[in-house]
Protein backbone atom coordinates (compact mmCIF):
# COMPACT_ATOMS: atom_id res chain seq x y z
CA MET A 1 -55.53 24.54 34.63
CA ASN A 2 -55.36 22.11 37.54
CA GLN A 3 -55.34 19.23 35.06
CA PHE A 4 -52.36 20.73 33.22
CA LYS A 5 -50.45 21.13 36.50
CA ALA A 6 -51.20 17.53 37.38
CA ILE A 7 -49.84 16.31 34.03
CA LEU A 8 -46.73 18.49 34.35
CA THR A 9 -46.12 17.28 37.90
CA GLU A 10 -46.49 13.68 36.78
CA MET A 11 -43.92 14.24 34.00
CA ILE A 12 -41.22 15.81 36.18
CA ARG A 13 -41.80 13.66 39.27
CA PRO A 14 -39.36 10.90 38.16
CA PHE A 15 -36.60 13.49 37.78
CA LEU A 16 -37.15 14.70 41.35
CA GLU A 17 -36.82 11.27 42.91
CA PRO A 18 -33.31 10.28 44.14
CA GLU A 19 -33.84 6.72 42.92
CA THR A 20 -33.97 7.95 39.30
CA TYR A 21 -30.48 9.43 39.47
CA SER A 22 -29.21 6.48 41.45
CA ASN A 23 -30.43 4.04 38.79
CA LEU A 24 -29.06 6.23 35.99
CA LEU A 25 -25.67 6.50 37.69
CA THR A 26 -25.59 2.74 38.20
CA LYS A 27 -26.32 2.12 34.52
CA LEU A 28 -23.65 4.63 33.44
CA VAL A 29 -21.10 2.88 35.65
CA ILE A 30 -22.10 -0.45 34.09
CA VAL A 31 -21.68 1.05 30.60
CA LEU A 32 -18.20 2.35 31.48
CA ILE A 33 -17.24 -1.06 32.86
CA TYR A 34 -18.41 -2.79 29.66
CA VAL A 35 -16.49 -0.29 27.50
CA LEU A 36 -13.35 -0.73 29.61
CA VAL A 37 -13.64 -4.51 29.41
CA ALA A 38 -14.10 -4.26 25.63
CA PHE A 39 -10.90 -2.20 25.32
CA ILE A 40 -8.98 -4.72 27.42
CA VAL A 41 -10.34 -7.70 25.48
CA ILE A 42 -9.45 -6.08 22.14
CA ARG A 43 -5.91 -5.29 23.33
CA ILE A 44 -5.40 -8.86 24.54
CA LEU A 45 -6.81 -10.39 21.34
CA ASN A 46 -4.65 -8.07 19.20
CA LYS A 47 -1.54 -9.26 21.05
CA VAL A 48 -2.59 -12.89 20.62
CA ILE A 49 -3.16 -12.36 16.88
CA GLU A 50 0.25 -10.68 16.45
CA GLN A 51 2.00 -13.43 18.39
CA PHE A 52 0.24 -16.13 16.37
CA PHE A 53 1.49 -14.75 13.05
CA LYS A 54 5.00 -14.11 14.42
CA VAL A 55 5.31 -17.75 15.48
CA ASN A 56 4.27 -18.89 12.00
CA ASN A 57 6.86 -16.60 10.39
CA LYS A 58 9.69 -18.01 12.51
CA SER A 59 9.07 -21.45 11.03
CA SER A 60 10.13 -20.21 7.57
CA LYS A 61 13.73 -20.97 6.60
CA SER A 62 14.32 -18.99 3.39
CA ALA A 63 15.15 -15.30 3.91
CA LYS A 64 13.22 -14.35 0.79
CA TYR A 65 10.27 -16.45 1.92
CA LYS A 66 10.43 -14.89 5.38
CA SER A 67 10.24 -11.40 3.88
CA SER A 68 7.22 -12.37 1.80
CA ARG A 69 5.53 -14.05 4.77
CA ALA A 70 6.24 -11.02 6.97
CA LYS A 71 4.42 -8.67 4.59
CA ARG A 72 1.60 -11.16 4.18
CA SER A 73 1.30 -11.53 7.96
CA LYS A 74 1.19 -7.76 8.44
CA THR A 75 -1.71 -7.56 6.01
CA LEU A 76 -3.64 -10.39 7.66
CA ILE A 77 -2.94 -9.07 11.17
CA THR A 78 -4.55 -5.74 10.28
CA LEU A 79 -7.57 -7.44 8.70
CA VAL A 80 -8.15 -9.95 11.54
CA GLN A 81 -7.71 -7.28 14.21
CA ASN A 82 -10.29 -5.06 12.50
CA VAL A 83 -12.81 -7.91 12.24
CA VAL A 84 -12.25 -8.91 15.88
CA GLY A 85 -12.67 -5.29 16.96
CA TYR A 86 -15.99 -4.98 15.10
CA ILE A 87 -17.28 -8.20 16.70
CA VAL A 88 -16.28 -7.18 20.25
CA TRP A 89 -17.83 -3.72 19.92
CA PHE A 90 -21.02 -5.18 18.45
CA ILE A 91 -21.36 -7.58 21.38
CA THR A 92 -20.65 -4.73 23.82
CA LEU A 93 -23.25 -2.47 22.20
CA THR A 94 -25.99 -5.11 22.25
CA THR A 95 -25.22 -5.96 25.89
CA VAL A 96 -25.37 -2.30 26.94
CA LEU A 97 -28.65 -1.76 25.10
CA SER A 98 -30.18 -4.77 26.84
CA LYS A 99 -29.14 -3.31 30.21
CA PHE A 100 -31.19 -0.20 29.38
CA GLY A 101 -34.21 -2.36 28.57
CA ILE A 102 -33.95 -1.90 24.80
CA SER A 103 -34.93 -4.97 22.79
CA VAL A 104 -31.98 -6.00 20.63
CA GLU A 105 -34.13 -8.46 18.65
CA SER A 106 -36.48 -5.71 17.47
CA ILE A 107 -33.53 -3.52 16.46
CA LEU A 108 -31.98 -6.36 14.46
CA ALA A 109 -35.32 -7.08 12.79
CA GLY A 110 -35.70 -3.42 11.90
CA ALA A 111 -32.12 -3.28 10.68
CA GLY A 112 -32.87 -6.17 8.34
CA VAL A 113 -35.76 -4.29 6.77
CA VAL A 114 -33.73 -1.08 6.49
CA GLY A 115 -30.77 -3.00 5.10
CA LEU A 116 -32.97 -4.51 2.43
CA ALA A 117 -34.28 -1.05 1.54
CA ILE A 118 -30.84 0.54 1.17
CA GLY A 119 -29.18 -2.53 -0.30
CA PHE A 120 -30.13 -1.54 -3.82
CA GLY A 121 -28.36 1.78 -3.30
CA ALA A 122 -25.26 0.20 -1.75
CA GLN A 123 -24.18 -1.94 -4.68
CA THR A 124 -20.89 -0.06 -5.00
CA LEU A 125 -20.08 -0.71 -1.34
CA VAL A 126 -20.84 -4.42 -1.75
CA LYS A 127 -18.67 -4.51 -4.87
CA ASP A 128 -15.78 -2.89 -2.98
CA VAL A 129 -16.06 -5.36 -0.08
CA ILE A 130 -16.17 -8.41 -2.37
CA ALA A 131 -13.16 -7.09 -4.29
CA GLY A 132 -11.38 -6.56 -0.96
CA PHE A 133 -11.88 -10.21 -0.02
CA PHE A 134 -10.38 -11.35 -3.33
CA ILE A 135 -7.42 -8.94 -3.01
CA ILE A 136 -6.57 -10.22 0.46
CA PHE A 137 -7.11 -13.95 0.02
CA GLU A 138 -5.67 -14.15 -3.50
CA ASN A 139 -2.58 -12.30 -2.23
CA THR A 140 -2.76 -9.69 -5.00
CA PHE A 141 -0.51 -7.43 -2.93
CA ASP A 142 0.55 -6.94 0.67
CA ILE A 143 1.40 -3.99 2.88
CA GLY A 144 4.79 -2.62 1.80
CA ASP A 145 4.52 -3.74 -1.84
CA TYR A 146 5.18 -1.23 -4.62
CA VAL A 147 2.31 -1.39 -7.11
CA GLY A 148 0.78 0.34 -10.09
CA ILE A 149 -3.03 0.41 -10.20
CA LYS A 150 -5.24 1.05 -13.23
CA ASN A 151 -8.97 1.44 -13.80
CA ASN A 152 -10.02 0.44 -17.32
CA SER A 153 -6.42 0.87 -18.55
CA ALA A 154 -6.20 4.39 -17.04
CA PRO A 155 -3.52 4.76 -14.31
CA ILE A 156 -5.02 5.91 -11.01
CA ALA A 157 -2.19 5.33 -8.51
CA GLU A 158 1.38 4.08 -8.18
CA GLY A 159 3.29 3.71 -4.94
CA THR A 160 3.69 1.71 -1.74
CA ILE A 161 0.74 -0.06 -0.13
CA LYS A 162 0.18 1.46 3.33
CA SER A 163 -3.03 -0.32 4.37
CA ILE A 164 -5.52 -2.83 2.99
CA GLY A 165 -9.15 -2.89 4.08
CA LEU A 166 -12.25 -4.68 2.92
CA ARG A 167 -13.61 -1.50 1.33
CA SER A 168 -10.54 0.45 0.24
CA THR A 169 -6.76 0.39 -0.09
CA ARG A 170 -4.33 3.21 0.69
CA VAL A 171 -1.33 3.84 -1.56
CA LEU A 172 1.52 6.24 -0.73
CA SER A 173 3.04 7.71 -3.89
CA ILE A 174 6.76 8.36 -4.29
CA THR A 175 6.09 12.11 -3.93
CA GLY A 176 4.22 11.70 -0.64
CA GLU A 177 0.52 11.75 -1.61
CA LEU A 178 -1.68 9.22 0.20
CA CYS A 179 -4.33 7.91 -2.20
CA THR A 180 -7.38 5.99 -0.94
CA ILE A 181 -8.77 3.72 -3.66
CA PRO A 182 -12.07 1.79 -3.46
CA ASN A 183 -11.23 -1.87 -4.05
CA GLY A 184 -13.95 -2.26 -6.67
CA THR A 185 -12.30 0.29 -8.99
CA MET A 186 -9.09 -1.71 -9.46
CA SER A 187 -9.29 -3.43 -12.82
CA GLU A 188 -5.55 -3.99 -13.29
CA VAL A 189 -2.76 -4.22 -10.70
CA THR A 190 0.96 -4.45 -11.41
CA ASN A 191 2.94 -5.63 -8.38
CA TYR A 192 6.63 -4.74 -8.64
CA SER A 193 7.53 -6.43 -5.33
CA VAL A 194 6.62 -10.06 -6.01
CA THR A 195 9.58 -11.07 -8.18
CA ASN A 196 13.07 -9.68 -8.71
CA GLY A 197 13.31 -6.45 -10.65
CA VAL A 198 15.57 -5.61 -13.59
CA SER A 199 17.28 -2.24 -13.98
CA ILE A 200 17.71 -1.43 -17.68
CA ILE A 201 19.61 1.65 -18.83
CA ASP A 202 21.03 2.95 -22.11
CA ILE A 203 24.48 4.60 -22.22
CA PRO A 204 25.44 6.65 -25.32
CA ILE A 205 29.01 6.13 -26.57
CA SER A 206 30.75 8.16 -29.25
CA ILE A 207 30.79 6.44 -32.63
CA ASN A 208 34.55 7.09 -32.76
CA GLU A 209 35.20 4.66 -29.88
CA ASP A 210 36.14 0.99 -30.28
CA LEU A 211 32.86 -0.59 -29.15
CA ASN A 212 34.39 -4.02 -28.47
CA ARG A 213 36.98 -2.46 -26.16
CA VAL A 214 34.32 -0.37 -24.40
CA GLU A 215 32.13 -3.43 -23.89
CA ARG A 216 34.99 -5.48 -22.39
CA LYS A 217 35.92 -2.66 -19.99
CA MET A 218 32.27 -2.23 -18.96
CA GLU A 219 31.92 -5.93 -18.21
CA GLU A 220 34.99 -5.85 -15.97
CA PHE A 221 33.75 -2.76 -14.17
CA LEU A 222 30.22 -4.11 -13.65
CA LYS A 223 31.62 -7.08 -11.69
CA THR A 224 32.32 -4.66 -8.83
CA ILE A 225 28.72 -3.38 -8.56
CA PRO A 226 27.15 -6.25 -6.49
CA LYS A 227 30.02 -5.95 -3.98
CA LYS A 228 29.22 -2.27 -3.42
CA TYR A 229 25.41 -2.47 -3.50
CA ASP A 230 23.45 -5.30 -1.88
CA LEU A 231 20.31 -4.59 -3.91
CA PHE A 232 21.96 -6.14 -6.99
CA ILE A 233 21.47 -9.91 -6.96
CA ALA A 234 23.86 -10.66 -9.82
CA VAL A 235 26.49 -8.90 -11.91
CA PRO A 236 24.81 -6.47 -14.35
CA GLU A 237 25.18 -7.53 -17.98
CA VAL A 238 26.04 -5.60 -21.11
CA TRP A 239 23.40 -6.58 -23.62
CA GLY A 240 25.27 -4.90 -26.45
CA VAL A 241 24.61 -2.10 -28.90
CA ASN A 242 20.93 -1.25 -28.83
CA GLU A 243 20.94 1.69 -31.28
CA ILE A 244 23.46 3.28 -33.61
CA ASN A 245 23.54 6.37 -35.80
CA SER A 246 26.08 8.69 -37.41
CA TYR A 247 27.43 10.13 -34.14
CA GLN A 248 26.72 7.63 -31.31
CA ALA A 249 26.15 4.01 -30.36
CA THR A 250 23.82 3.23 -27.46
CA MET A 251 24.95 0.44 -25.14
CA ARG A 252 22.22 -1.29 -23.12
CA ILE A 253 23.02 -2.56 -19.60
CA ALA A 254 20.69 -4.65 -17.41
CA GLY A 255 21.05 -5.67 -13.77
CA GLU A 256 18.82 -7.95 -11.67
CA THR A 257 17.78 -6.37 -8.36
CA LEU A 258 15.78 -7.19 -5.27
CA PRO A 259 11.99 -6.85 -5.69
CA GLY A 260 10.93 -3.22 -6.04
CA GLU A 261 14.52 -1.90 -6.22
CA HIS A 262 14.86 -1.58 -10.01
CA PHE A 263 14.31 2.20 -10.00
CA THR A 264 17.07 2.69 -7.42
CA GLY A 265 19.27 0.24 -9.31
CA SER A 266 18.91 2.22 -12.54
CA ARG A 267 19.99 5.43 -10.82
CA ILE A 268 23.02 3.69 -9.29
CA LEU A 269 24.10 2.22 -12.63
CA ARG A 270 23.88 5.59 -14.38
CA ARG A 271 25.97 7.31 -11.71
CA GLU A 272 28.59 4.55 -11.53
CA LEU A 273 28.93 4.21 -15.31
CA LYS A 274 29.27 7.99 -15.73
CA ALA A 275 32.18 7.97 -13.28
CA PHE A 276 33.66 4.91 -15.04
CA LEU A 277 33.52 6.53 -18.49
CA ASP A 278 35.17 9.70 -17.18
CA GLU A 279 37.93 7.71 -15.47
CA GLU A 280 38.64 5.59 -18.55
CA GLY A 281 38.52 8.57 -20.87
CA ILE A 282 35.80 6.99 -23.00
CA GLU A 283 34.20 9.64 -25.15
CA THR A 284 30.48 10.28 -25.00
CA PRO A 285 28.69 12.12 -27.82
CA THR A 286 28.36 15.88 -27.45
CA PRO A 287 25.51 17.64 -29.24
CA ALA A 288 26.83 19.93 -31.96
CA LEU A 289 25.14 23.20 -32.79
CA VAL A 290 25.60 24.51 -36.30
CA GLN A 291 24.67 28.11 -36.99
CA MET A 292 24.28 29.32 -40.56
CA TYR A 293 24.19 32.98 -41.52
CA GLN A 294 23.01 34.39 -44.80
CA GLN A 295 25.03 37.34 -46.06
CA ASN A 296 23.29 39.87 -48.25
CA ASN A 297 25.63 41.53 -50.79
CA GLU A 298 24.54 45.02 -51.61
CA GLN A 299 25.50 46.39 -54.99
């Protein structure tokens, strides 16, 4: 019994000594100082990174090139800031552990063995990270681009790029859903924001109308579109009659737009041409419903 009391006393003695709490408090203060310094260093480095890319963007002369560089810079700023943050926190963690007398070398050696053990089960993660490097450095897309993404020819997302990471990419759909996609699952990417878009619409015209006259009037009217809407780069063109049948002729119109604005451009052209046709009194085909009744004659 006396031996048990001696062991118990020996175990709790350090917690009863004022020096124990003094040393612990000192170490906690040191930890807080290191964490605070890490926050300050990260904030300063983030500002330096942002300023560095802003200076590079100002050297561009073309407005279109500036816009492209701005999106590219935003993507790289996020990536570099994340990497810098990871490095600073890793250095802070190892420094704090060493202050508590924990051997960092042994932890790193153990981490290497554990990493080798789980590496075979983390092939998907490695695949995502490698794909992320290629996406970023090959400039597949940037933050703000409108893209369509497929996996083995199956559509998985379409929308605006919100963030790009080494492991995954976030896409905001036009209806508001935020989709997180592992980079390794993207087998096909269509970027609608790299080059100018083309709005293509079909307008049905009654077969009774003089198509040459309608086409000439449309061409005159379409000259006013770029003056009203900046997203149109050039005057929309009438490509001509695309389809024809017994009751209507379909006129196809195409207009070159700014990158990613072709959907908006199509809606504008439809609305403007509808108002134009009404104002000019140009007839559009109206579906006809024919009802047939069978009369039974009783004798």
